[in-house]
Amino acid sequence: MTIKGKPTSLDIAHLAGVSQPTVSRALRGHPSVNRETRERILGIARELNYKVDKNASNLRRQQSGTLALLLFEDPTSDQSHINPFFLPMLGSITRACARHGQDLLISFQQLSDDWHADYGDSHKADGLILLGYGDYLAYQGKLRTLVEQGTQFVRWGAVLPGQPGISIGCDNAGGGAQVGAHLADLGHRRIAFLGDASSRYPEFLDRWLGCESALQTRGLPMERALQVDAESAEDSGYAAARELLRRGLPFDAVFAASDLIAIGAMRAFAEHGLRIPDDVAIAGFDDIPAARMTTPALTTVVQDTLTAGELLVDTLMKLVVGEPAESLRMPTSLVVRESTARR
């Protein structure tokens, strides 16, 4: 067997035809791995001259009774730097930790920080929960590092094929399809999309693709000329809406990739003299509390953040004790409010 560079547990998993967590359990002699599989994994490890990272091993064995919640800072209009979408999830995570008898350590992290080494080497926690939107490609490498060093973690985000680690997320494509079908069935024919619909933001991309699929089944296009990049922030939504208006292309509805983007866009449209929903309908995604308080109230896609928090903790605890766990997609639902009222 020839492996370029230093062999990792992912290499062993690939050659043995098992998952990386199975390799980790086999290397530490966990009884959940049958004898045949364990011997095959150990044989491959010997052939590759694979050395177990002692720090990663210690993190698994010396359980602290603490889980760490790492929040990545989001651009917000206030000083909190917390996307309001995550606030109810935080409460759910806290209650779920108490149910499992775990303490919860909460920390802000920035993508430039060496957070994976900090928590992996200092034994601060038995496992990590990662929350926060951002550029997936920018931290994908650090997620791989967490996997390689044996750190147990679960993240909220898109469920992608071949992704590092385990994710709990919603059916973004299904939610996007619900919005597309709703707007098209109301008679809208030129639907703009505000949000970065690229591999950098896979959740937004899935929402775009879901909407596109719903429109295509109705013989309608999803036009890239009516798509404007935006991050999940009010100011970004405001700027994206102004750019959409600047292009001068006709549109009669807007699907914003998040409620914060939608709220910023509504402000830009109002300044431009457009009435919602008479001149342009708008729908968002997330159902944050502010979505109910906009004028008019915002049609949006609901994600069950309370169940999400419980699933994040329950899944992480399975990993901590060496039980199998897998990524999950949660269903979404559309709540229709005045911002897309029938014309």
C-alpha atoms as a PDB file:
ATOM      1  CA  MET A   1       0.000   0.000   0.000  1.00  0.00           C
ATOM      2  CA  THR A   2       1.343   3.430  -0.925  1.00  0.00           C
ATOM      3  CA  ILE A   3       0.023   6.618   0.647  1.00  0.00           C
ATOM      4  CA  LYS A   4       1.372  10.045  -0.239  1.00  0.00           C
ATOM      5  CA  GLY A   5       2.355  11.958   2.870  1.00  0.00           C
ATOM      6  CA  LYS A   6       1.620  11.020   6.472  1.00  0.00           C
ATOM      7  CA  PRO A   7      -1.120   8.348   6.674  1.00  0.00           C
ATOM      8  CA  THR A   8      -4.365   9.297   8.421  1.00  0.00           C
ATOM      9  CA  SER A   9      -7.292   7.425   9.869  1.00  0.00           C
ATOM     10  CA  LEU A  10      -9.259   8.487   6.762  1.00  0.00           C
ATOM     11  CA  ASP A  11      -6.741   6.574   4.613  1.00  0.00           C
ATOM     12  CA  ILE A  12      -7.219   3.478   6.757  1.00  0.00           C
ATOM     13  CA  ALA A  13     -10.995   3.847   6.565  1.00  0.00           C
ATOM     14  CA  HIS A  14     -10.855   4.049   2.767  1.00  0.00           C
ATOM     15  CA  LEU A  15      -8.640   0.983   2.430  1.00  0.00           C
ATOM     16  CA  ALA A  16     -10.650  -1.029   4.971  1.00  0.00           C
ATOM     17  CA  GLY A  17     -14.001  -0.027   3.484  1.00  0.00           C
ATOM     18  CA  VAL A  18     -15.347   1.321   6.786  1.00  0.00           C
ATOM     19  CA  SER A  19     -16.120   4.709   8.306  1.00  0.00           C
ATOM     20  CA  GLN A  20     -13.522   6.849  10.084  1.00  0.00           C
ATOM     21  CA  PRO A  21     -15.320   6.512  13.481  1.00  0.00           C
ATOM     22  CA  THR A  22     -15.107   2.706  13.065  1.00  0.00           C
ATOM     23  CA  VAL A  23     -11.346   3.032  12.554  1.00  0.00           C
ATOM     24  CA  SER A  24     -11.062   5.182  15.695  1.00  0.00           C
ATOM     25  CA  ARG A  25     -13.010   2.652  17.759  1.00  0.00           C
ATOM     26  CA  ALA A  26     -10.996  -0.271  16.395  1.00  0.00           C
ATOM     27  CA  LEU A  27      -7.660   1.394  17.157  1.00  0.00           C
ATOM     28  CA  ARG A  28      -8.645   1.881  20.777  1.00  0.00           C
ATOM     29  CA  GLY A  29     -10.093  -1.634  21.097  1.00  0.00           C
ATOM     30  CA  HIS A  30     -13.730  -0.682  21.476  1.00  0.00           C
ATOM     31  CA  PRO A  31     -15.951  -3.800  21.762  1.00  0.00           C
ATOM     32  CA  SER A  32     -18.500  -2.411  19.276  1.00  0.00           C
ATOM     33  CA  VAL A  33     -16.127  -3.345  16.409  1.00  0.00           C
ATOM     34  CA  ASN A  34     -16.176  -7.060  15.578  1.00  0.00           C
ATOM     35  CA  ARG A  35     -12.965  -9.049  15.637  1.00  0.00           C
ATOM     36  CA  GLU A  36     -12.630  -9.504  11.860  1.00  0.00           C
ATOM     37  CA  THR A  37     -13.067  -5.800  11.138  1.00  0.00           C
ATOM     38  CA  ARG A  38     -10.706  -4.801  13.963  1.00  0.00           C
ATOM     39  CA  GLU A  39      -7.962  -7.139  12.749  1.00  0.00           C
ATOM     40  CA  ARG A  40      -8.323  -5.862   9.181  1.00  0.00           C
ATOM     41  CA  ILE A  41      -8.023  -2.256  10.368  1.00  0.00           C
ATOM     42  CA  LEU A  42      -5.048  -3.004  12.627  1.00  0.00           C
ATOM     43  CA  GLY A  43      -3.299  -4.830   9.788  1.00  0.00           C
ATOM     44  CA  ILE A  44      -3.701  -1.873   7.442  1.00  0.00           C
ATOM     45  CA  ALA A  45      -2.503   0.498  10.180  1.00  0.00           C
ATOM     46  CA  ARG A  46       0.647  -1.589  10.655  1.00  0.00           C
ATOM     47  CA  GLU A  47       1.353  -1.701   6.919  1.00  0.00           C
ATOM     48  CA  LEU A  48       0.996   2.086   6.697  1.00  0.00           C
ATOM     49  CA  ASN A  49       3.100   2.575   9.854  1.00  0.00           C
ATOM     50  CA  TYR A  50       0.239   4.637  11.192  1.00  0.00           C
ATOM     51  CA  LYS A  51       0.836   6.261  14.592  1.00  0.00           C
ATOM     52  CA  VAL A  52      -2.103   7.197  16.813  1.00  0.00           C
ATOM     53  CA  ASP A  53      -2.095  10.868  17.778  1.00  0.00           C
ATOM     54  CA  LYS A  54      -1.717  10.823  21.565  1.00  0.00           C
ATOM     55  CA  ASN A  55      -3.502  14.114  22.056  1.00  0.00           C
ATOM     56  CA  ALA A  56      -6.465  12.930  20.039  1.00  0.00           C
ATOM     57  CA  SER A  57      -6.493   9.655  21.943  1.00  0.00           C
ATOM     58  CA  ASN A  58      -6.462  11.484  25.259  1.00  0.00           C
ATOM     59  CA  LEU A  59      -9.363  13.654  24.169  1.00  0.00           C
ATOM     60  CA  ARG A  60     -11.418  10.509  23.631  1.00  0.00           C
ATOM     61  CA  ARG A  61     -10.418   8.659  26.806  1.00  0.00           C
ATOM     62  CA  GLN A  62     -10.218  11.394  29.421  1.00  0.00           C
ATOM     63  CA  GLN A  63     -13.804  12.483  29.354  1.00  0.00           C
ATOM     64  CA  SER A  64     -14.380  15.822  31.029  1.00  0.00           C
ATOM     65  CA  GLY A  65     -18.185  15.735  31.242  1.00  0.00           C
ATOM     66  CA  THR A  66     -18.172  18.905  29.146  1.00  0.00           C
ATOM     67  CA  LEU A  67     -19.251  19.654  25.601  1.00  0.00           C
ATOM     68  CA  ALA A  68     -18.046  22.765  23.781  1.00  0.00           C
ATOM     69  CA  LEU A  69     -20.277  24.906  21.597  1.00  0.00           C
ATOM     70  CA  LEU A  70     -18.213  26.949  19.151  1.00  0.00           C
ATOM     71  CA  LEU A  71     -20.070  29.876  17.611  1.00  0.00           C
ATOM     72  CA  PHE A  72     -18.538  31.467  14.557  1.00  0.00           C
ATOM     73  CA  GLU A  73     -19.070  35.213  14.488  1.00  0.00           C
ATOM     74  CA  ASP A  74     -21.629  36.494  11.993  1.00  0.00           C
ATOM     75  CA  PRO A  75     -21.941  40.081  10.748  1.00  0.00           C
ATOM     76  CA  THR A  76     -24.960  41.578  12.550  1.00  0.00           C
ATOM     77  CA  SER A  77     -26.535  45.011  12.802  1.00  0.00           C
ATOM     78  CA  ASP A  78     -25.961  44.973  16.578  1.00  0.00           C
ATOM     79  CA  GLN A  79     -22.913  44.049  18.644  1.00  0.00           C
ATOM     80  CA  SER A  80     -23.934  40.455  19.374  1.00  0.00           C
ATOM     81  CA  HIS A  81     -22.315  38.886  16.273  1.00  0.00           C
ATOM     82  CA  ILE A  82     -24.809  36.015  16.715  1.00  0.00           C
ATOM     83  CA  ASN A  83     -27.198  35.186  13.914  1.00  0.00           C
ATOM     84  CA  PRO A  84     -30.655  35.389  15.568  1.00  0.00           C
ATOM     85  CA  PHE A  85     -31.553  32.106  13.884  1.00  0.00           C
ATOM     86  CA  PHE A  86     -29.313  30.329  16.415  1.00  0.00           C
ATOM     87  CA  LEU A  87     -30.755  31.873  19.589  1.00  0.00           C
ATOM     88  CA  PRO A  88     -33.575  29.338  20.130  1.00  0.00           C
ATOM     89  CA  MET A  89     -31.155  26.563  19.165  1.00  0.00           C
ATOM     90  CA  LEU A  90     -28.793  27.688  21.933  1.00  0.00           C
ATOM     91  CA  GLY A  91     -31.528  27.223  24.523  1.00  0.00           C
ATOM     92  CA  SER A  92     -32.355  23.780  23.179  1.00  0.00           C
ATOM     93  CA  ILE A  93     -28.691  22.736  23.218  1.00  0.00           C
ATOM     94  CA  THR A  94     -28.321  23.904  26.828  1.00  0.00           C
ATOM     95  CA  ARG A  95     -31.359  21.903  27.968  1.00  0.00           C
ATOM     96  CA  ALA A  96     -30.220  18.811  26.056  1.00  0.00           C
ATOM     97  CA  CYS A  97     -26.774  18.994  27.695  1.00  0.00           C
ATOM     98  CA  ALA A  98     -28.419  19.139  31.125  1.00  0.00           C
ATOM     99  CA  ARG A  99     -30.496  16.078  30.216  1.00  0.00           C
ATOM    100  CA  HIS A 100     -27.279  14.187  29.397  1.00  0.00           C
ATOM    101  CA  GLY A 101     -25.554  15.426  32.573  1.00  0.00           C
ATOM    102  CA  GLN A 102     -23.043  17.455  30.550  1.00  0.00           C
ATOM    103  CA  ASP A 103     -21.684  20.927  31.203  1.00  0.00           C
ATOM    104  CA  LEU A 104     -21.657  23.276  28.217  1.00  0.00           C
ATOM    105  CA  LEU A 105     -18.742  25.533  27.339  1.00  0.00           C
ATOM    106  CA  ILE A 106     -19.660  28.284  24.856  1.00  0.00           C
ATOM    107  CA  SER A 107     -17.037  30.212  22.936  1.00  0.00           C
ATOM    108  CA  PHE A 108     -16.823  32.559  19.980  1.00  0.00           C
ATOM    109  CA  GLN A 109     -14.414  31.429  17.306  1.00  0.00           C
ATOM    110  CA  GLN A 110     -13.090  33.039  14.155  1.00  0.00           C
ATOM    111  CA  LEU A 111     -11.990  31.118  11.088  1.00  0.00           C
ATOM    112  CA  SER A 112      -8.482  32.538  11.467  1.00  0.00           C
ATOM    113  CA  ASP A 113      -8.158  31.035  14.952  1.00  0.00           C
ATOM    114  CA  ASP A 114      -6.475  27.665  15.480  1.00  0.00           C
ATOM    115  CA  TRP A 115      -9.605  26.484  17.293  1.00  0.00           C
ATOM    116  CA  HIS A 116      -9.257  22.840  16.271  1.00  0.00           C
ATOM    117  CA  ALA A 117      -5.865  22.573  17.992  1.00  0.00           C
ATOM    118  CA  ASP A 118      -7.052  24.552  21.009  1.00  0.00           C
ATOM    119  CA  TYR A 119      -9.898  22.206  21.844  1.00  0.00           C
ATOM    120  CA  GLY A 120      -8.240  19.028  20.606  1.00  0.00           C
ATOM    121  CA  ASP A 121      -4.988  19.410  22.505  1.00  0.00           C
ATOM    122  CA  SER A 122      -6.107  21.054  25.744  1.00  0.00           C
ATOM    123  CA  HIS A 123      -8.825  18.487  26.557  1.00  0.00           C
ATOM    124  CA  LYS A 124     -11.319  21.241  27.329  1.00  0.00           C
ATOM    125  CA  ALA A 125     -14.228  19.160  26.095  1.00  0.00           C
ATOM    126  CA  ASP A 126     -15.196  15.643  25.081  1.00  0.00           C
ATOM    127  CA  GLY A 127     -16.734  16.885  21.837  1.00  0.00           C
ATOM    128  CA  LEU A 128     -17.581  19.966  19.827  1.00  0.00           C
ATOM    129  CA  ILE A 129     -20.785  21.457  18.410  1.00  0.00           C
ATOM    130  CA  LEU A 130     -20.076  23.901  15.598  1.00  0.00           C
ATOM    131  CA  LEU A 131     -22.616  26.608  14.764  1.00  0.00           C
ATOM    132  CA  GLY A 132     -22.464  29.482  12.325  1.00  0.00           C
ATOM    133  CA  TYR A 133     -22.906  30.313   8.694  1.00  0.00           C
ATOM    134  CA  GLY A 134     -19.872  31.147   6.628  1.00  0.00           C
ATOM    135  CA  ASP A 135     -17.736  30.155   3.695  1.00  0.00           C
ATOM    136  CA  TYR A 136     -17.747  26.342   3.750  1.00  0.00           C
ATOM    137  CA  LEU A 137     -14.618  26.089   1.616  1.00  0.00           C
ATOM    138  CA  ALA A 138     -12.739  28.319   4.090  1.00  0.00           C
ATOM    139  CA  TYR A 139     -13.072  25.911   7.034  1.00  0.00           C
ATOM    140  CA  GLN A 140     -13.488  22.555   5.276  1.00  0.00           C
ATOM    141  CA  GLY A 141      -9.784  21.855   5.802  1.00  0.00           C
ATOM    142  CA  LYS A 142     -10.048  22.408   9.535  1.00  0.00           C
ATOM    143  CA  LEU A 143     -12.985  20.023   9.711  1.00  0.00           C
ATOM    144  CA  ARG A 144     -10.780  17.405   8.066  1.00  0.00           C
ATOM    145  CA  THR A 145      -8.122  18.083  10.692  1.00  0.00           C
ATOM    146  CA  LEU A 146     -10.666  17.449  13.444  1.00  0.00           C
ATOM    147  CA  VAL A 147     -11.537  14.119  11.845  1.00  0.00           C
ATOM    148  CA  GLU A 148      -7.891  13.136  11.438  1.00  0.00           C
ATOM    149  CA  GLN A 149      -6.999  13.848  15.052  1.00  0.00           C
ATOM    150  CA  GLY A 150     -10.021  11.902  16.308  1.00  0.00           C
ATOM    151  CA  THR A 151     -11.939  14.827  17.800  1.00  0.00           C
ATOM    152  CA  GLN A 152     -15.639  14.124  18.069  1.00  0.00           C
ATOM    153  CA  PHE A 153     -17.758  16.907  16.595  1.00  0.00           C
ATOM    154  CA  VAL A 154     -21.117  17.647  15.018  1.00  0.00           C
ATOM    155  CA  ARG A 155     -21.934  20.748  13.006  1.00  0.00           C
ATOM    156  CA  TRP A 156     -25.131  22.456  11.967  1.00  0.00           C
ATOM    157  CA  GLY A 157     -25.046  22.871   8.224  1.00  0.00           C
ATOM    158  CA  ALA A 158     -25.572  21.354   4.825  1.00  0.00           C
ATOM    159  CA  VAL A 159     -25.442  17.567   4.594  1.00  0.00           C
ATOM    160  CA  LEU A 160     -22.997  16.924   1.740  1.00  0.00           C
ATOM    161  CA  PRO A 161     -21.588  13.752   0.162  1.00  0.00           C
ATOM    162  CA  GLY A 162     -18.076  12.996   1.367  1.00  0.00           C
ATOM    163  CA  GLN A 163     -18.047  15.824   3.895  1.00  0.00           C
ATOM    164  CA  PRO A 164     -15.704  15.688   6.900  1.00  0.00           C
ATOM    165  CA  GLY A 165     -17.527  14.574  10.016  1.00  0.00           C
ATOM    166  CA  ILE A 166     -21.242  14.616  10.772  1.00  0.00           C
ATOM    167  CA  SER A 167     -23.751  17.372  10.056  1.00  0.00           C
ATOM    168  CA  ILE A 168     -27.295  17.996  11.180  1.00  0.00           C
ATOM    169  CA  GLY A 169     -29.149  20.268   8.774  1.00  0.00           C
ATOM    170  CA  CYS A 170     -32.477  20.970   7.172  1.00  0.00           C
ATOM    171  CA  ASP A 171     -33.799  19.979   3.760  1.00  0.00           C
ATOM    172  CA  ASN A 172     -32.645  23.187   2.103  1.00  0.00           C
ATOM    173  CA  ALA A 173     -33.563  22.037  -1.394  1.00  0.00           C
ATOM    174  CA  GLY A 174     -37.014  21.015  -0.216  1.00  0.00           C
ATOM    175  CA  GLY A 175     -37.528  24.370   1.464  1.00  0.00           C
ATOM    176  CA  GLY A 176     -36.401  26.187  -1.671  1.00  0.00           C
ATOM    177  CA  ALA A 177     -38.848  24.124  -3.722  1.00  0.00           C
ATOM    178  CA  GLN A 178     -41.665  25.124  -1.358  1.00  0.00           C
ATOM    179  CA  VAL A 179     -40.879  28.802  -1.920  1.00  0.00           C
ATOM    180  CA  GLY A 180     -40.581  28.420  -5.691  1.00  0.00           C
ATOM    181  CA  ALA A 181     -43.868  26.549  -5.961  1.00  0.00           C
ATOM    182  CA  HIS A 182     -45.638  29.086  -3.759  1.00  0.00           C
ATOM    183  CA  LEU A 183     -44.448  32.109  -5.722  1.00  0.00           C
ATOM    184  CA  ALA A 184     -45.116  30.507  -9.101  1.00  0.00           C
ATOM    185  CA  ASP A 185     -48.590  29.376  -8.082  1.00  0.00           C
ATOM    186  CA  LEU A 186     -49.367  32.972  -7.127  1.00  0.00           C
ATOM    187  CA  GLY A 187     -48.649  33.965 -10.716  1.00  0.00           C
ATOM    188  CA  HIS A 188     -45.092  35.280 -10.390  1.00  0.00           C
ATOM    189  CA  ARG A 189     -42.929  34.576 -13.431  1.00  0.00           C
ATOM    190  CA  ARG A 190     -39.615  36.382 -12.885  1.00  0.00           C
ATOM    191  CA  ILE A 191     -38.249  35.413  -9.483  1.00  0.00           C
ATOM    192  CA  ALA A 192     -34.984  36.931  -8.254  1.00  0.00           C
ATOM    193  CA  PHE A 193     -32.717  35.198  -5.734  1.00  0.00           C
ATOM    194  CA  LEU A 194     -30.643  37.060  -3.138  1.00  0.00           C
ATOM    195  CA  GLY A 195     -27.874  34.904  -1.665  1.00  0.00           C
ATOM    196  CA  ASP A 196     -24.515  33.367  -2.600  1.00  0.00           C
ATOM    197  CA  ALA A 197     -25.675  30.323  -4.590  1.00  0.00           C
ATOM    198  CA  SER A 198     -22.283  28.633  -4.865  1.00  0.00           C
ATOM    199  CA  SER A 199     -20.269  25.797  -3.268  1.00  0.00           C
ATOM    200  CA  ARG A 200     -18.963  28.351  -0.774  1.00  0.00           C
ATOM    201  CA  TYR A 201     -22.457  28.523   0.727  1.00  0.00           C
ATOM    202  CA  PRO A 202     -23.949  25.058   0.105  1.00  0.00           C
ATOM    203  CA  GLU A 203     -27.120  25.748   2.111  1.00  0.00           C
ATOM    204  CA  PHE A 204     -27.913  28.770  -0.049  1.00  0.00           C
ATOM    205  CA  LEU A 205     -27.018  26.816  -3.175  1.00  0.00           C
ATOM    206  CA  ASP A 206     -29.455  24.040  -2.261  1.00  0.00           C
ATOM    207  CA  ARG A 207     -32.188  26.634  -1.670  1.00  0.00           C
ATOM    208  CA  TRP A 208     -31.531  28.081  -5.126  1.00  0.00           C
ATOM    209  CA  LEU A 209     -31.551  24.615  -6.716  1.00  0.00           C
ATOM    210  CA  GLY A 210     -34.772  23.658  -4.947  1.00  0.00           C
ATOM    211  CA  CYS A 211     -36.498  26.794  -6.153  1.00  0.00           C
ATOM    212  CA  GLU A 212     -35.146  26.260  -9.657  1.00  0.00           C
ATOM    213  CA  SER A 213     -36.499  22.702  -9.707  1.00  0.00           C
ATOM    214  CA  ALA A 214     -39.970  23.837  -8.650  1.00  0.00           C
ATOM    215  CA  LEU A 215     -40.025  26.511 -11.348  1.00  0.00           C
ATOM    216  CA  GLN A 216     -38.793  24.133 -14.038  1.00  0.00           C
ATOM    217  CA  THR A 217     -41.665  21.736 -13.373  1.00  0.00           C
ATOM    218  CA  ARG A 218     -43.967  24.678 -14.128  1.00  0.00           C
ATOM    219  CA  GLY A 219     -42.129  25.640 -17.300  1.00  0.00           C
ATOM    220  CA  LEU A 220     -40.459  28.677 -15.752  1.00  0.00           C
ATOM    221  CA  PRO A 221     -36.757  29.640 -15.698  1.00  0.00           C
ATOM    222  CA  MET A 222     -34.595  30.531 -12.707  1.00  0.00           C
ATOM    223  CA  GLU A 223     -32.462  33.278 -14.217  1.00  0.00           C
ATOM    224  CA  ARG A 224     -28.870  33.778 -13.072  1.00  0.00           C
ATOM    225  CA  ALA A 225     -29.109  37.403 -14.158  1.00  0.00           C
ATOM    226  CA  LEU A 226     -31.620  37.855 -11.317  1.00  0.00           C
ATOM    227  CA  GLN A 227     -29.307  36.291  -8.711  1.00  0.00           C
ATOM    228  CA  VAL A 228     -27.211  38.569  -6.478  1.00  0.00           C
ATOM    229  CA  ASP A 229     -24.678  37.321  -3.914  1.00  0.00           C
ATOM    230  CA  ALA A 230     -25.430  38.100  -0.276  1.00  0.00           C
ATOM    231  CA  GLU A 231     -24.380  36.807   3.142  1.00  0.00           C
ATOM    232  CA  SER A 232     -26.888  36.221   5.924  1.00  0.00           C
ATOM    233  CA  ALA A 233     -27.016  39.792   7.222  1.00  0.00           C
ATOM    234  CA  GLU A 234     -29.444  42.706   6.872  1.00  0.00           C
ATOM    235  CA  ASP A 235     -26.851  45.067   5.428  1.00  0.00           C
ATOM    236  CA  SER A 236     -25.851  42.435   2.874  1.00  0.00           C
ATOM    237  CA  GLY A 237     -29.494  41.939   1.864  1.00  0.00           C
ATOM    238  CA  TYR A 238     -29.955  45.680   1.531  1.00  0.00           C
ATOM    239  CA  ALA A 239     -26.895  45.970  -0.719  1.00  0.00           C
ATOM    240  CA  ALA A 240     -27.971  42.961  -2.801  1.00  0.00           C
ATOM    241  CA  ALA A 241     -31.443  44.423  -3.371  1.00  0.00           C
ATOM    242  CA  ARG A 242     -29.946  47.736  -4.462  1.00  0.00           C
ATOM    243  CA  GLU A 243     -27.702  45.873  -6.906  1.00  0.00           C
ATOM    244  CA  LEU A 244     -30.713  43.981  -8.251  1.00  0.00           C
ATOM    245  CA  LEU A 245     -32.534  47.268  -8.822  1.00  0.00           C
ATOM    246  CA  ARG A 246     -29.452  48.788 -10.436  1.00  0.00           C
ATOM    247  CA  ARG A 247     -29.389  46.035 -13.063  1.00  0.00           C
ATOM    248  CA  GLY A 248     -32.740  47.269 -14.329  1.00  0.00           C
ATOM    249  CA  LEU A 249     -34.094  43.806 -15.173  1.00  0.00           C
ATOM    250  CA  PRO A 250     -37.790  43.140 -14.580  1.00  0.00           C
ATOM    251  CA  PHE A 251     -38.744  40.906 -11.645  1.00  0.00           C
ATOM    252  CA  ASP A 252     -41.984  40.420  -9.757  1.00  0.00           C
ATOM    253  CA  ALA A 253     -40.868  38.327  -6.758  1.00  0.00           C
ATOM    254  CA  VAL A 254     -37.761  37.742  -4.631  1.00  0.00           C
ATOM    255  CA  PHE A 255     -36.607  34.645  -2.801  1.00  0.00           C
ATOM    256  CA  ALA A 256     -34.065  35.690  -0.162  1.00  0.00           C
ATOM    257  CA  ALA A 257     -31.774  32.899   1.063  1.00  0.00           C
ATOM    258  CA  SER A 258     -32.324  33.966   4.682  1.00  0.00           C
ATOM    259  CA  ASP A 259     -34.733  36.142   6.638  1.00  0.00           C
ATOM    260  CA  LEU A 260     -31.984  38.630   7.448  1.00  0.00           C
ATOM    261  CA  ILE A 261     -31.296  39.076   3.732  1.00  0.00           C
ATOM    262  CA  ALA A 262     -35.041  39.482   3.120  1.00  0.00           C
ATOM    263  CA  ILE A 263     -35.418  42.119   5.833  1.00  0.00           C
ATOM    264  CA  GLY A 264     -32.550  44.164   4.402  1.00  0.00           C
ATOM    265  CA  ALA A 265     -34.028  43.833   0.911  1.00  0.00           C
ATOM    266  CA  MET A 266     -37.442  45.018   2.103  1.00  0.00           C
ATOM    267  CA  ARG A 267     -35.838  48.221   3.354  1.00  0.00           C
ATOM    268  CA  ALA A 268     -34.144  48.801  -0.007  1.00  0.00           C
ATOM    269  CA  PHE A 269     -37.363  48.185  -1.925  1.00  0.00           C
ATOM    270  CA  ALA A 270     -39.288  50.582   0.325  1.00  0.00           C
ATOM    271  CA  GLU A 271     -36.705  53.305  -0.276  1.00  0.00           C
ATOM    272  CA  HIS A 272     -37.111  52.695  -4.009  1.00  0.00           C
ATOM    273  CA  GLY A 273     -40.872  53.170  -3.758  1.00  0.00           C
ATOM    274  CA  LEU A 274     -41.816  49.519  -4.331  1.00  0.00           C
ATOM    275  CA  ARG A 275     -44.796  48.193  -2.399  1.00  0.00           C
ATOM    276  CA  ILE A 276     -44.725  44.702  -0.922  1.00  0.00           C
ATOM    277  CA  PRO A 277     -46.453  42.540  -2.098  1.00  0.00           C
ATOM    278  CA  ASP A 278     -48.271  44.729  -4.683  1.00  0.00           C
ATOM    279  CA  ASP A 279     -45.162  45.571  -6.716  1.00  0.00           C
ATOM    280  CA  VAL A 280     -42.889  42.745  -5.599  1.00  0.00           C
ATOM    281  CA  ALA A 281     -43.505  39.692  -3.409  1.00  0.00           C
ATOM    282  CA  ILE A 282     -40.718  38.502  -1.118  1.00  0.00           C
ATOM    283  CA  ALA A 283     -40.056  35.320   0.841  1.00  0.00           C
ATOM    284  CA  GLY A 284     -37.238  34.405   3.197  1.00  0.00           C
ATOM    285  CA  PHE A 285     -35.826  31.347   4.941  1.00  0.00           C
ATOM    286  CA  ASP A 286     -35.395  30.548   8.690  1.00  0.00           C
ATOM    287  CA  ASP A 287     -38.465  32.105  10.402  1.00  0.00           C
ATOM    288  CA  ILE A 288     -36.466  34.157  12.889  1.00  0.00           C
ATOM    289  CA  PRO A 289     -38.633  36.152  15.360  1.00  0.00           C
ATOM    290  CA  ALA A 290     -38.182  39.372  13.376  1.00  0.00           C
ATOM    291  CA  ALA A 291     -39.906  37.759  10.369  1.00  0.00           C
ATOM    292  CA  ARG A 292     -43.241  38.082  12.179  1.00  0.00           C
ATOM    293  CA  MET A 293     -42.655  41.751  12.963  1.00  0.00           C
ATOM    294  CA  THR A 294     -41.739  43.149   9.552  1.00  0.00           C
ATOM    295  CA  THR A 295     -44.252  45.284   7.671  1.00  0.00           C
ATOM    296  CA  PRO A 296     -45.695  43.360   5.973  1.00  0.00           C
ATOM    297  CA  ALA A 297     -44.973  40.136   7.897  1.00  0.00           C
ATOM    298  CA  LEU A 298     -42.544  37.891   6.015  1.00  0.00           C
ATOM    299  CA  THR A 299     -43.423  34.632   4.299  1.00  0.00           C
ATOM    300  CA  THR A 300     -40.603  32.219   5.120  1.00  0.00           C
ATOM    301  CA  VAL A 301     -39.416  28.637   5.500  1.00  0.00           C
ATOM    302  CA  VAL A 302     -39.488  27.245   9.039  1.00  0.00           C
ATOM    303  CA  GLN A 303     -36.625  25.179  10.429  1.00  0.00           C
ATOM    304  CA  ASP A 304     -37.264  23.334  13.703  1.00  0.00           C
ATOM    305  CA  THR A 305     -34.433  24.841  15.736  1.00  0.00           C
ATOM    306  CA  LEU A 306     -35.591  23.268  19.018  1.00  0.00           C
ATOM    307  CA  THR A 307     -35.403  19.726  17.636  1.00  0.00           C
ATOM    308  CA  ALA A 308     -32.153  20.647  15.877  1.00  0.00           C
ATOM    309  CA  GLY A 309     -30.504  21.536  19.189  1.00  0.00           C
ATOM    310  CA  GLU A 310     -31.560  18.238  20.716  1.00  0.00           C
ATOM    311  CA  LEU A 311     -30.303  16.269  17.714  1.00  0.00           C
ATOM    312  CA  LEU A 312     -26.932  18.027  17.786  1.00  0.00           C
ATOM    313  CA  VAL A 313     -26.353  17.053  21.422  1.00  0.00           C
ATOM    314  CA  ASP A 314     -27.795  13.543  21.133  1.00  0.00           C
ATOM    315  CA  THR A 315     -25.676  12.815  18.056  1.00  0.00           C
ATOM    316  CA  LEU A 316     -22.504  14.173  19.650  1.00  0.00           C
ATOM    317  CA  MET A 317     -23.060  12.077  22.775  1.00  0.00           C
ATOM    318  CA  LYS A 318     -23.309   8.966  20.599  1.00  0.00           C
ATOM    319  CA  LEU A 319     -19.909   9.792  19.144  1.00  0.00           C
ATOM    320  CA  VAL A 320     -18.394  10.502  22.559  1.00  0.00           C
ATOM    321  CA  VAL A 321     -19.384   7.068  23.907  1.00  0.00           C
ATOM    322  CA  GLY A 322     -18.389   5.279  20.703  1.00  0.00           C
ATOM    323  CA  GLU A 323     -21.834   4.563  19.280  1.00  0.00           C
ATOM    324  CA  PRO A 324     -22.582   4.874  15.551  1.00  0.00           C
ATOM    325  CA  ALA A 325     -24.126   8.139  14.366  1.00  0.00           C
ATOM    326  CA  GLU A 326     -24.951   9.651  11.012  1.00  0.00           C
ATOM    327  CA  SER A 327     -25.774  12.962   9.375  1.00  0.00           C
ATOM    328  CA  LEU A 328     -29.437  13.936   9.275  1.00  0.00           C
ATOM    329  CA  ARG A 329     -31.638  16.246   7.220  1.00  0.00           C
ATOM    330  CA  MET A 330     -34.680  17.718   8.937  1.00  0.00           C
ATOM    331  CA  PRO A 331     -37.879  18.564   7.026  1.00  0.00           C
ATOM    332  CA  THR A 332     -39.001  22.167   6.535  1.00  0.00           C
ATOM    333  CA  SER A 333     -42.372  23.851   6.242  1.00  0.00           C
ATOM    334  CA  LEU A 334     -43.535  27.067   4.587  1.00  0.00           C
ATOM    335  CA  VAL A 335     -45.399  29.687   6.597  1.00  0.00           C
ATOM    336  CA  VAL A 336     -47.285  32.125   4.359  1.00  0.00           C
ATOM    337  CA  ARG A 337     -47.669  35.715   5.549  1.00  0.00           C
ATOM    338  CA  GLU A 338     -48.549  39.089   4.022  1.00  0.00           C
ATOM    339  CA  SER A 339     -45.296  39.621   2.084  1.00  0.00           C
ATOM    340  CA  THR A 340     -46.550  37.206  -0.591  1.00  0.00           C
ATOM    341  CA  ALA A 341     -50.306  37.820  -0.305  1.00  0.00           C
ATOM    342  CA  ARG A 342     -52.222  36.835  -3.435  1.00  0.00           C
ATOM    343  CA  ARG A 343     -52.594  39.732  -5.830  1.00  0.00           C
END
